[in-house]
C-alpha atoms as a PDB file:
ATOM      1  CA  MET A   1      -0.196   0.183  -0.057  1.00  0.00           C
ATOM      2  CA  GLN A   2       1.128   3.486  -0.915  1.00  0.00           C
ATOM      3  CA  GLU A   3       2.036   5.824   2.333  1.00  0.00           C
ATOM      4  CA  HIS A   4       0.145   9.088   2.195  1.00  0.00           C
ATOM      5  CA  LYS A   5       2.372  11.595   3.300  1.00  0.00           C
ATOM      6  CA  SER A   6       0.569  14.265   5.632  1.00  0.00           C
ATOM      7  CA  GLN A   7       0.124  17.609   3.882  1.00  0.00           C
ATOM      8  CA  GLU A   8       0.783  21.040   5.870  1.00  0.00           C
ATOM      9  CA  LEU A   9      -2.237  23.109   5.601  1.00  0.00           C
ATOM     10  CA  ALA A  10      -1.212  26.903   4.619  1.00  0.00           C
ATOM     11  CA  ASP A  11      -1.864  29.704   7.416  1.00  0.00           C
ATOM     12  CA  LEU A  12      -3.254  32.125   5.339  1.00  0.00           C
ATOM     13  CA  GLN A  13      -3.172  34.058   8.928  1.00  0.00           C
ATOM     14  CA  SER A  14       0.501  34.421   9.140  1.00  0.00           C
ATOM     15  CA  GLN A  15       1.208  35.536   5.836  1.00  0.00           C
ATOM     16  CA  LYS A  16       2.195  39.452   5.820  1.00  0.00           C
ATOM     17  CA  ASP A  17       0.354  42.576   4.352  1.00  0.00           C
ATOM     18  CA  ALA A  18       2.004  44.961   2.739  1.00  0.00           C
ATOM     19  CA  ARG A  19      -0.699  47.858   2.847  1.00  0.00           C
ATOM     20  CA  ASN A  20       1.341  49.128   5.894  1.00  0.00           C
ATOM     21  CA  ILE A  21      -1.936  49.683   8.899  1.00  0.00           C
ATOM     22  CA  PRO A  22      -1.880  48.221  11.992  1.00  0.00           C
ATOM     23  CA  LEU A  23      -5.141  47.539  13.063  1.00  0.00           C
ATOM     24  CA  ASN A  24      -5.835  48.861  17.320  1.00  0.00           C
ATOM     25  CA  GLN A  25      -8.503  45.150  17.873  1.00  0.00           C
ATOM     26  CA  VAL A  26      -9.306  42.164  16.368  1.00  0.00           C
ATOM     27  CA  GLY A  27     -11.215  39.361  17.535  1.00  0.00           C
ATOM     28  CA  VAL A  28     -14.410  37.245  19.141  1.00  0.00           C
ATOM     29  CA  ARG A  29     -17.713  38.684  20.282  1.00  0.00           C
ATOM     30  CA  ASN A  30     -20.623  37.045  21.693  1.00  0.00           C
ATOM     31  CA  VAL A  31     -19.150  34.318  22.713  1.00  0.00           C
ATOM     32  CA  ARG A  32     -21.410  33.135  25.280  1.00  0.00           C
ATOM     33  CA  TYR A  33     -19.469  30.654  28.177  1.00  0.00           C
ATOM     34  CA  PRO A  34     -20.635  29.770  31.729  1.00  0.00           C
ATOM     35  CA  ILE A  35     -18.927  31.991  34.278  1.00  0.00           C
ATOM     36  CA  GLN A  36     -18.379  31.470  37.880  1.00  0.00           C
ATOM     37  CA  LEU A  37     -18.234  34.866  40.272  1.00  0.00           C
ATOM     38  CA  ARG A  38     -17.959  35.648  43.767  1.00  0.00           C
ATOM     39  CA  ASP A  39     -21.399  36.395  46.047  1.00  0.00           C
ATOM     40  CA  ARG A  40     -21.479  37.600  48.889  1.00  0.00           C
ATOM     41  CA  GLU A  41     -24.185  35.844  50.636  1.00  0.00           C
ATOM     42  CA  LYS A  42     -23.572  32.283  49.043  1.00  0.00           C
ATOM     43  CA  GLY A  43     -19.719  32.427  48.296  1.00  0.00           C
ATOM     44  CA  VAL A  44     -20.134  31.309  44.757  1.00  0.00           C
ATOM     45  CA  GLN A  45     -22.469  32.147  41.732  1.00  0.00           C
ATOM     46  CA  HIS A  46     -22.997  30.742  38.491  1.00  0.00           C
ATOM     47  CA  THR A  47     -24.107  31.864  35.774  1.00  0.00           C
ATOM     48  CA  ILE A  48     -23.718  32.560  31.703  1.00  0.00           C
ATOM     49  CA  GLY A  49     -21.389  35.241  30.029  1.00  0.00           C
ATOM     50  CA  THR A  50     -21.161  36.985  26.723  1.00  0.00           C
ATOM     51  CA  VAL A  51     -17.395  37.873  26.210  1.00  0.00           C
ATOM     52  CA  HIS A  52     -15.656  39.810  23.756  1.00  0.00           C
ATOM     53  CA  MET A  53     -11.798  38.893  23.184  1.00  0.00           C
ATOM     54  CA  SER A  54      -9.294  40.614  21.029  1.00  0.00           C
ATOM     55  CA  VAL A  55      -6.170  41.906  20.115  1.00  0.00           C
ATOM     56  CA  ASP A  56      -4.084  44.852  18.494  1.00  0.00           C
ATOM     57  CA  LEU A  57      -2.660  43.661  15.081  1.00  0.00           C
ATOM     58  CA  PRO A  58       0.830  44.527  13.772  1.00  0.00           C
ATOM     59  CA  GLU A  59       1.054  45.707  10.302  1.00  0.00           C
ATOM     60  CA  ASP A  60       2.422  43.205   8.561  1.00  0.00           C
ATOM     61  CA  PHE A  61       0.417  40.517   9.610  1.00  0.00           C
ATOM     62  CA  ARG A  62      -2.646  40.200   7.932  1.00  0.00           C
ATOM     63  CA  GLY A  63      -4.914  38.584   9.974  1.00  0.00           C
ATOM     64  CA  THR A  64      -4.972  36.617  13.995  1.00  0.00           C
ATOM     65  CA  HIS A  65      -5.801  33.215  14.446  1.00  0.00           C
ATOM     66  CA  MET A  66      -9.463  33.555  16.130  1.00  0.00           C
ATOM     67  CA  SER A  67      -9.904  30.068  17.043  1.00  0.00           C
ATOM     68  CA  ARG A  68      -7.143  30.892  19.908  1.00  0.00           C
ATOM     69  CA  PHE A  69      -9.371  32.841  21.631  1.00  0.00           C
ATOM     70  CA  ILE A  70     -12.076  30.335  22.260  1.00  0.00           C
ATOM     71  CA  GLU A  71      -8.949  27.953  23.192  1.00  0.00           C
ATOM     72  CA  ILE A  72      -7.967  29.999  26.025  1.00  0.00           C
ATOM     73  CA  LEU A  73     -11.605  30.122  27.089  1.00  0.00           C
ATOM     74  CA  HIS A  74     -11.738  26.519  27.073  1.00  0.00           C
ATOM     75  CA  HIS A  75      -8.075  26.298  29.037  1.00  0.00           C
ATOM     76  CA  HIS A  76      -9.771  28.526  31.855  1.00  0.00           C
ATOM     77  CA  ALA A  77     -12.729  26.620  32.154  1.00  0.00           C
ATOM     78  CA  GLY A  78     -14.361  25.602  34.980  1.00  0.00           C
ATOM     79  CA  LYS A  79     -11.967  28.741  36.443  1.00  0.00           C
ATOM     80  CA  LEU A  80     -13.135  31.762  34.549  1.00  0.00           C
ATOM     81  CA  GLN A  81     -13.943  34.420  37.848  1.00  0.00           C
ATOM     82  CA  LEU A  82     -12.902  38.008  38.443  1.00  0.00           C
ATOM     83  CA  ARG A  83      -9.421  36.855  39.568  1.00  0.00           C
ATOM     84  CA  GLU A  84      -8.631  34.658  36.648  1.00  0.00           C
ATOM     85  CA  LEU A  85      -9.370  37.694  34.135  1.00  0.00           C
ATOM     86  CA  ARG A  86      -4.798  38.543  34.097  1.00  0.00           C
ATOM     87  CA  SER A  87      -3.825  35.003  33.367  1.00  0.00           C
ATOM     88  CA  ILE A  88      -6.690  34.722  30.064  1.00  0.00           C
ATOM     89  CA  LEU A  89      -5.004  38.461  29.178  1.00  0.00           C
ATOM     90  CA  SER A  90      -1.739  37.213  29.416  1.00  0.00           C
ATOM     91  CA  ASP A  91      -2.382  34.550  27.234  1.00  0.00           C
ATOM     92  CA  MET A  92      -3.799  36.070  24.716  1.00  0.00           C
ATOM     93  CA  LYS A  93      -0.844  38.352  24.468  1.00  0.00           C
ATOM     94  CA  THR A  94       1.320  35.612  24.323  1.00  0.00           C
ATOM     95  CA  ARG A  95      -0.574  33.563  21.934  1.00  0.00           C
ATOM     96  CA  LEU A  96      -1.409  35.570  19.381  1.00  0.00           C
ATOM     97  CA  HIS A  97       2.253  37.592  19.534  1.00  0.00           C
ATOM     98  CA  ALA A  98       0.330  41.352  20.632  1.00  0.00           C
ATOM     99  CA  HIS A  99       0.749  43.832  22.632  1.00  0.00           C
ATOM    100  CA  GLU A 100      -2.187  44.541  23.980  1.00  0.00           C
ATOM    101  CA  ALA A 101      -5.120  42.212  25.238  1.00  0.00           C
ATOM    102  CA  HIS A 102      -9.131  42.894  25.653  1.00  0.00           C
ATOM    103  CA  MET A 103     -11.724  41.589  27.360  1.00  0.00           C
ATOM    104  CA  GLN A 104     -15.270  42.323  28.074  1.00  0.00           C
ATOM    105  CA  MET A 105     -17.264  39.795  29.807  1.00  0.00           C
ATOM    106  CA  PHE A 106     -21.518  40.933  30.274  1.00  0.00           C
ATOM    107  CA  PHE A 107     -23.150  38.822  32.488  1.00  0.00           C
ATOM    108  CA  PRO A 108     -26.573  38.357  34.533  1.00  0.00           C
ATOM    109  CA  TYR A 109     -26.671  38.488  38.449  1.00  0.00           C
ATOM    110  CA  VAL A 110     -29.506  37.685  41.067  1.00  0.00           C
ATOM    111  CA  ILE A 111     -29.860  39.489  43.562  1.00  0.00           C
ATOM    112  CA  ALA A 112     -32.055  37.752  46.516  1.00  0.00           C
ATOM    113  CA  LYS A 113     -35.099  40.497  47.109  1.00  0.00           C
ATOM    114  CA  LYS A 114     -37.523  40.759  49.664  1.00  0.00           C
ATOM    115  CA  ALA A 115     -40.627  42.688  49.788  1.00  0.00           C
ATOM    116  CA  PRO A 116     -40.553  45.393  52.278  1.00  0.00           C
ATOM    117  CA  VAL A 117     -43.605  44.554  54.076  1.00  0.00           C
ATOM    118  CA  THR A 118     -44.959  41.447  53.845  1.00  0.00           C
ATOM    119  CA  GLY A 119     -41.178  39.966  53.289  1.00  0.00           C
ATOM    120  CA  VAL A 120     -42.106  37.893  50.259  1.00  0.00           C
ATOM    121  CA  HIS A 121     -38.814  36.335  48.098  1.00  0.00           C
ATOM    122  CA  SER A 122     -37.969  37.108  44.804  1.00  0.00           C
ATOM    123  CA  ASN A 123     -34.669  37.152  42.536  1.00  0.00           C
ATOM    124  CA  LEU A 124     -33.489  40.599  41.072  1.00  0.00           C
ATOM    125  CA  VAL A 125     -31.460  39.984  37.843  1.00  0.00           C
ATOM    126  CA  ILE A 126     -28.598  42.385  37.665  1.00  0.00           C
ATOM    127  CA  ASP A 127     -26.902  43.558  34.060  1.00  0.00           C
ATOM    128  CA  CYS A 128     -23.139  43.338  35.362  1.00  0.00           C
ATOM    129  CA  ALA A 129     -20.127  43.291  32.841  1.00  0.00           C
ATOM    130  CA  PHE A 130     -16.167  42.937  33.762  1.00  0.00           C
ATOM    131  CA  LEU A 131     -13.797  45.349  31.084  1.00  0.00           C
ATOM    132  CA  ALA A 132     -10.363  44.179  30.894  1.00  0.00           C
ATOM    133  CA  THR A 133      -7.534  45.235  29.234  1.00  0.00           C
ATOM    134  CA  LEU A 134      -3.696  44.346  29.884  1.00  0.00           C
ATOM    135  CA  ASP A 135      -1.590  46.963  28.000  1.00  0.00           C
ATOM    136  CA  VAL A 136       2.406  46.924  26.438  1.00  0.00           C
ATOM    137  CA  ASP A 137       4.025  47.330  29.676  1.00  0.00           C
ATOM    138  CA  ASP A 138       1.924  44.656  31.519  1.00  0.00           C
ATOM    139  CA  GLN A 139      -0.239  46.960  33.136  1.00  0.00           C
ATOM    140  CA  MET A 140      -4.432  45.626  33.939  1.00  0.00           C
ATOM    141  CA  ASP A 141      -7.334  48.238  33.609  1.00  0.00           C
ATOM    142  CA  PHE A 142     -10.519  46.409  35.155  1.00  0.00           C
ATOM    143  CA  ILE A 143     -13.809  48.167  35.145  1.00  0.00           C
ATOM    144  CA  LEU A 144     -16.372  46.427  36.962  1.00  0.00           C
ATOM    145  CA  GLU A 145     -20.211  47.830  35.736  1.00  0.00           C
ATOM    146  CA  VAL A 146     -23.942  47.145  37.302  1.00  0.00           C
ATOM    147  CA  ASN A 147     -27.153  48.412  35.913  1.00  0.00           C
ATOM    148  CA  VAL A 148     -29.320  48.860  38.633  1.00  0.00           C
ATOM    149  CA  PRO A 149     -33.420  49.859  38.097  1.00  0.00           C
ATOM    150  CA  VAL A 150     -35.034  52.556  40.418  1.00  0.00           C
ATOM    151  CA  GLN A 151     -37.990  53.865  40.222  1.00  0.00           C
ATOM    152  CA  THR A 152     -38.167  58.118  40.496  1.00  0.00           C
ATOM    153  CA  VAL A 153     -41.047  60.119  40.841  1.00  0.00           C
ATOM    154  CA  CYS A 154     -41.000  64.038  38.991  1.00  0.00           C
ATOM    155  CA  PRO A 155     -40.592  66.313  41.708  1.00  0.00           C
ATOM    156  CA  CYS A 156     -41.648  69.200  39.673  1.00  0.00           C
ATOM    157  CA  SER A 157     -44.745  67.031  38.567  1.00  0.00           C
ATOM    158  CA  ARG A 158     -45.211  66.262  41.948  1.00  0.00           C
ATOM    159  CA  ALA A 159     -44.522  70.560  42.994  1.00  0.00           C
ATOM    160  CA  ILE A 160     -47.264  71.569  40.478  1.00  0.00           C
ATOM    161  CA  SER A 161     -49.725  68.916  40.219  1.00  0.00           C
ATOM    162  CA  ARG A 162     -53.067  69.057  42.568  1.00  0.00           C
ATOM    163  CA  PHE A 163     -52.834  65.301  43.152  1.00  0.00           C
ATOM    164  CA  GLY A 164     -50.413  62.743  42.375  1.00  0.00           C
ATOM    165  CA  ALA A 165     -47.103  62.764  40.285  1.00  0.00           C
ATOM    166  CA  HIS A 166     -45.318  60.985  37.201  1.00  0.00           C
ATOM    167  CA  ASN A 167     -43.469  57.853  38.153  1.00  0.00           C
ATOM    168  CA  GLN A 168     -41.127  55.993  36.181  1.00  0.00           C
ATOM    169  CA  ARG A 169     -38.254  53.628  36.037  1.00  0.00           C
ATOM    170  CA  ALA A 170     -34.756  54.666  35.710  1.00  0.00           C
ATOM    171  CA  ASN A 171     -31.168  52.994  35.034  1.00  0.00           C
ATOM    172  CA  ILE A 172     -28.610  53.508  37.458  1.00  0.00           C
ATOM    173  CA  LYS A 173     -24.994  52.274  35.370  1.00  0.00           C
ATOM    174  CA  ILE A 174     -22.497  52.589  37.917  1.00  0.00           C
ATOM    175  CA  ARG A 175     -18.571  51.906  36.603  1.00  0.00           C
ATOM    176  CA  VAL A 176     -15.663  51.787  39.210  1.00  0.00           C
ATOM    177  CA  ARG A 177     -12.078  51.034  39.149  1.00  0.00           C
ATOM    178  CA  MET A 178     -11.258  49.819  42.780  1.00  0.00           C
ATOM    179  CA  ASP A 179      -7.768  49.578  44.298  1.00  0.00           C
ATOM    180  CA  ARG A 180      -9.692  46.102  47.059  1.00  0.00           C
ATOM    181  CA  MET A 181     -12.358  44.093  45.948  1.00  0.00           C
ATOM    182  CA  VAL A 182     -16.102  45.828  45.706  1.00  0.00           C
ATOM    183  CA  TRP A 183     -18.945  43.747  46.194  1.00  0.00           C
ATOM    184  CA  ILE A 184     -21.703  43.483  43.135  1.00  0.00           C
ATOM    185  CA  GLU A 185     -23.981  44.198  45.846  1.00  0.00           C
ATOM    186  CA  GLN A 186     -22.526  47.358  47.323  1.00  0.00           C
ATOM    187  CA  LEU A 187     -22.532  49.029  44.056  1.00  0.00           C
ATOM    188  CA  VAL A 188     -26.801  47.554  44.016  1.00  0.00           C
ATOM    189  CA  GLU A 189     -27.435  48.727  47.749  1.00  0.00           C
ATOM    190  CA  MET A 190     -26.041  52.010  46.615  1.00  0.00           C
ATOM    191  CA  ALA A 191     -27.737  52.620  43.659  1.00  0.00           C
ATOM    192  CA  GLU A 192     -31.028  51.435  45.131  1.00  0.00           C
ATOM    193  CA  ALA A 193     -30.650  54.206  47.653  1.00  0.00           C
ATOM    194  CA  SER A 194     -30.461  56.717  45.803  1.00  0.00           C
ATOM    195  CA  GLY A 195     -33.738  56.249  43.258  1.00  0.00           C
ATOM    196  CA  SER A 196     -37.103  57.281  44.790  1.00  0.00           C
ATOM    197  CA  SER A 197     -37.729  53.864  45.610  1.00  0.00           C
ATOM    198  CA  PRO A 198     -35.997  49.728  44.838  1.00  0.00           C
ATOM    199  CA  ILE A 199     -37.884  47.894  42.463  1.00  0.00           C
ATOM    200  CA  PHE A 200     -38.512  44.001  42.713  1.00  0.00           C
ATOM    201  CA  PRO A 201     -39.902  41.596  40.629  1.00  0.00           C
ATOM    202  CA  LEU A 202     -42.368  40.611  43.457  1.00  0.00           C
ATOM    203  CA  LEU A 203     -44.905  42.802  45.338  1.00  0.00           C
ATOM    204  CA  LYS A 204     -47.936  42.384  47.516  1.00  0.00           C
ATOM    205  CA  ARG A 205     -50.568  45.180  48.012  1.00  0.00           C
ATOM    206  CA  LYS A 206     -49.131  46.079  51.507  1.00  0.00           C
ATOM    207  CA  ASP A 207     -45.252  46.218  49.675  1.00  0.00           C
ATOM    208  CA  GLU A 208     -47.108  48.428  46.734  1.00  0.00           C
ATOM    209  CA  LYS A 209     -48.733  51.000  48.901  1.00  0.00           C
ATOM    210  CA  TRP A 210     -45.370  51.325  50.590  1.00  0.00           C
ATOM    211  CA  VAL A 211     -42.911  51.290  47.332  1.00  0.00           C
ATOM    212  CA  THR A 212     -46.128  53.937  45.886  1.00  0.00           C
ATOM    213  CA  GLU A 213     -45.673  55.868  49.226  1.00  0.00           C
ATOM    214  CA  GLN A 214     -41.660  55.967  49.576  1.00  0.00           C
ATOM    215  CA  GLY A 215     -41.209  57.204  45.952  1.00  0.00           C
ATOM    216  CA  TYR A 216     -43.772  59.772  46.380  1.00  0.00           C
ATOM    217  CA  GLU A 217     -41.768  61.146  49.856  1.00  0.00           C
ATOM    218  CA  ASN A 218     -38.482  60.911  47.795  1.00  0.00           C
ATOM    219  CA  PRO A 219     -39.137  62.617  44.359  1.00  0.00           C
ATOM    220  CA  LYS A 220     -35.762  62.787  42.562  1.00  0.00           C
ATOM    221  CA  PHE A 221     -34.427  64.245  39.200  1.00  0.00           C
ATOM    222  CA  VAL A 222     -31.887  62.259  37.101  1.00  0.00           C
ATOM    223  CA  GLU A 223     -29.476  65.179  38.102  1.00  0.00           C
ATOM    224  CA  ASP A 224     -30.427  64.132  41.700  1.00  0.00           C
ATOM    225  CA  VAL A 225     -30.005  60.670  41.491  1.00  0.00           C
ATOM    226  CA  ALA A 226     -26.318  60.750  39.480  1.00  0.00           C
ATOM    227  CA  ARG A 227     -25.268  62.922  42.296  1.00  0.00           C
ATOM    228  CA  GLU A 228     -26.966  61.191  45.461  1.00  0.00           C
ATOM    229  CA  VAL A 229     -24.782  58.293  43.909  1.00  0.00           C
ATOM    230  CA  THR A 230     -21.546  60.159  43.533  1.00  0.00           C
ATOM    231  CA  VAL A 231     -22.119  60.776  47.705  1.00  0.00           C
ATOM    232  CA  HIS A 232     -21.798  56.760  48.163  1.00  0.00           C
ATOM    233  CA  LEU A 233     -18.889  56.116  45.735  1.00  0.00           C
ATOM    234  CA  ARG A 234     -16.477  58.936  47.006  1.00  0.00           C
ATOM    235  CA  LYS A 235     -16.883  57.513  50.358  1.00  0.00           C
ATOM    236  CA  HIS A 236     -16.206  53.802  49.572  1.00  0.00           C
ATOM    237  CA  PRO A 237     -12.745  53.616  50.567  1.00  0.00           C
ATOM    238  CA  SER A 238     -11.842  50.703  48.053  1.00  0.00           C
ATOM    239  CA  ILE A 239     -13.360  52.805  44.645  1.00  0.00           C
ATOM    240  CA  ARG A 240     -10.711  55.228  43.014  1.00  0.00           C
ATOM    241  CA  TRP A 241     -12.681  56.265  39.589  1.00  0.00           C
ATOM    242  CA  PHE A 242     -15.891  56.308  38.791  1.00  0.00           C
ATOM    243  CA  GLU A 243     -19.018  56.771  36.098  1.00  0.00           C
ATOM    244  CA  VAL A 244     -22.387  57.228  37.177  1.00  0.00           C
ATOM    245  CA  GLN A 245     -24.565  57.589  34.373  1.00  0.00           C
ATOM    246  CA  VAL A 246     -28.173  57.730  35.003  1.00  0.00           C
ATOM    247  CA  GLU A 247     -31.739  57.477  32.269  1.00  0.00           C
ATOM    248  CA  SER A 248     -34.798  57.979  33.038  1.00  0.00           C
ATOM    249  CA  MET A 249     -37.839  56.017  30.822  1.00  0.00           C
ATOM    250  CA  GLU A 250     -39.687  59.404  31.535  1.00  0.00           C
ATOM    251  CA  SER A 251     -43.257  57.942  31.447  1.00  0.00           C
ATOM    252  CA  ILE A 252     -45.178  61.323  30.345  1.00  0.00           C
ATOM    253  CA  HIS A 253     -42.670  62.055  27.327  1.00  0.00           C
ATOM    254  CA  ASP A 254     -41.692  59.826  24.455  1.00  0.00           C
ATOM    255  CA  HIS A 255     -38.134  60.690  25.049  1.00  0.00           C
ATOM    256  CA  GLU A 256     -35.370  59.572  28.467  1.00  0.00           C
ATOM    257  CA  ALA A 257     -33.607  62.311  30.821  1.00  0.00           C
ATOM    258  CA  PHE A 258     -30.346  61.502  30.898  1.00  0.00           C
ATOM    259  CA  ALA A 259     -27.522  62.025  33.548  1.00  0.00           C
ATOM    260  CA  CYS A 260     -23.647  61.184  34.397  1.00  0.00           C
ATOM    261  CA  ILE A 261     -20.769  61.776  36.623  1.00  0.00           C
ATOM    262  CA  ARG A 262     -17.298  60.756  35.505  1.00  0.00           C
ATOM    263  CA  MET A 263     -14.866  61.540  39.282  1.00  0.00           C
ATOM    264  CA  GLU A 264     -11.590  60.085  39.512  1.00  0.00           C
ATOM    265  CA  LYS A 265     -10.586  60.446  43.668  1.00  0.00           C
ATOM    266  CA  PRO A 266      -7.551  62.416  44.345  1.00  0.00           C
ATOM    267  CA  SER A 267      -4.715  59.841  46.018  1.00  0.00           C
END
């Protein structure tokens, strides 16, 4: 029998490119992958992350090896969590011959809630993200993001109306850079304390009365909410930089109201 010699397959990604144009980022997006997170109450929480991974591409390389991003994820399977991010980014730089590596991980995080009067239990899902970069000097930049729904009641509407005031759901997006660990739950508590009232997935009539009256007694503009969150963040000793974005889905308008604050604490 004639022996068949293995044929080497062409590696087109490694071909030289003559256009002399480096790319800032190339990679894969919307990869869904199981991850585990530290949970303040339960110790560990398992969820599904939507992952974006990218590196820079030098001017003389035609392309990157996209499959290696997925291989790196598989290599770190079972330990895909916050403390593993530096190792993942380092592997991306090494295996893809890059100067910088970037990873964004978006995931739902479940917060156990108790209704304010009856104490009935329910679960509030918070949209969160890890945003991480390892630069050319192996310095890591990490941002934690949380998105927290709250209720806001309009102070102007309350002041000028004979009865009632328009209210709506608002979203508070908090991004922080930190020197030591900050719990997701802590950021959620800061956000909820800054709106007119918290949001609950499940309420009985007594609870609904409490939420309605709580909101009415604490009217807030989006500007008020952004400033209130800032007061809480400035007090936290582990947070060195933050960004707050508040967006109100106005119930009597066809647009949203918006406020944003970015701040770096003096060292």
